[in-house]
């Protein structure tokens, strides 16, 4: 079982990416997420947040492929 760092705003990311078109390139998703992060965020935490967002986006893309 994997756990998610409690500092990662998973609900907010899920909400944002639920409204992001699945054809949006990963680079745009990453840029969108990074723009929302505070300027003084720990770089390692920022990377974890981006990885989580990209995994949600990939999951959404895979789900949409079945339609």
Protein backbone atom coordinates (compact mmCIF):
# COMPACT_ATOMS: atom_id res chain seq x y z
CA UNK A 1 0.00 0.00 0.00
CA UNK A 2 1.33 3.41 -0.93
CA UNK A 3 0.65 6.52 1.03
CA UNK A 4 0.46 10.06 -0.21
CA UNK A 5 2.27 12.85 1.59
CA UNK A 6 -0.38 14.78 3.51
CA UNK A 7 1.15 18.04 2.29
CA UNK A 8 0.07 17.23 -1.27
CA UNK A 9 -3.32 18.87 -1.96
CA UNK A 10 -4.78 15.80 -3.64
CA UNK A 11 -8.42 16.94 -3.60
CA UNK A 12 -7.53 20.25 -5.23
CA UNK A 13 -5.37 18.57 -7.87
CA UNK A 14 -8.10 16.01 -8.57
CA UNK A 15 -10.64 18.83 -8.99
CA UNK A 16 -8.40 20.86 -11.32
CA UNK A 17 -7.43 17.89 -13.45
CA UNK A 18 -11.01 16.66 -13.58
CA UNK A 19 -11.67 19.84 -15.53
CA UNK A 20 -8.57 19.61 -17.71
CA UNK A 21 -8.97 18.05 -21.15
CA UNK A 22 -7.24 14.68 -21.41
CA UNK A 23 -5.46 15.78 -24.59
CA UNK A 24 -3.66 18.56 -22.71
CA UNK A 25 0.07 17.86 -22.93
CA UNK A 26 1.87 16.86 -19.75
CA UNK A 27 4.10 19.92 -20.06
CA UNK A 28 1.05 22.20 -19.85
CA UNK A 29 -0.32 20.29 -16.87
CA UNK A 30 3.03 20.61 -15.12
CA UNK A 31 3.23 24.34 -15.86
CA UNK A 32 -0.32 24.84 -14.60
CA UNK A 33 0.41 23.02 -11.35
CA UNK A 34 3.72 24.83 -10.79
CA UNK A 35 2.04 28.24 -11.32
CA UNK A 36 -0.30 27.45 -8.42
CA UNK A 37 2.49 26.52 -5.99
CA UNK A 38 3.87 29.02 -3.49
CA UNK A 39 7.21 30.54 -4.49
CA UNK A 40 8.93 29.32 -1.33
CA UNK A 41 7.84 25.66 -1.57
CA UNK A 42 10.40 22.94 -0.94
CA UNK A 43 11.60 21.77 -4.39
CA UNK A 44 11.24 18.10 -3.40
CA UNK A 45 7.63 18.65 -2.35
CA UNK A 46 6.96 20.56 -5.57
CA UNK A 47 8.30 17.60 -7.55
CA UNK A 48 6.06 15.20 -5.62
CA UNK A 49 3.03 17.38 -6.29
CA UNK A 50 3.82 17.54 -10.01
CA UNK A 51 4.34 13.76 -10.16
CA UNK A 52 0.98 13.22 -8.43
CA UNK A 53 -0.74 15.62 -10.84
CA UNK A 54 0.78 13.90 -13.87
CA UNK A 55 -0.30 10.49 -12.57
CA UNK A 56 -3.87 11.76 -12.13
CA UNK A 57 -3.77 13.21 -15.65
CA UNK A 58 -2.48 9.90 -17.06
CA UNK A 59 -5.24 8.05 -15.23
CA UNK A 60 -7.86 10.41 -16.63
CA UNK A 61 -6.38 9.96 -20.11
CA UNK A 62 -6.50 6.16 -19.80
CA UNK A 63 -10.08 6.25 -18.59
CA UNK A 64 -11.14 8.46 -21.50
CA UNK A 65 -9.48 6.09 -23.98
CA UNK A 66 -12.17 3.55 -23.19
CA UNK A 67 -14.96 5.76 -24.51
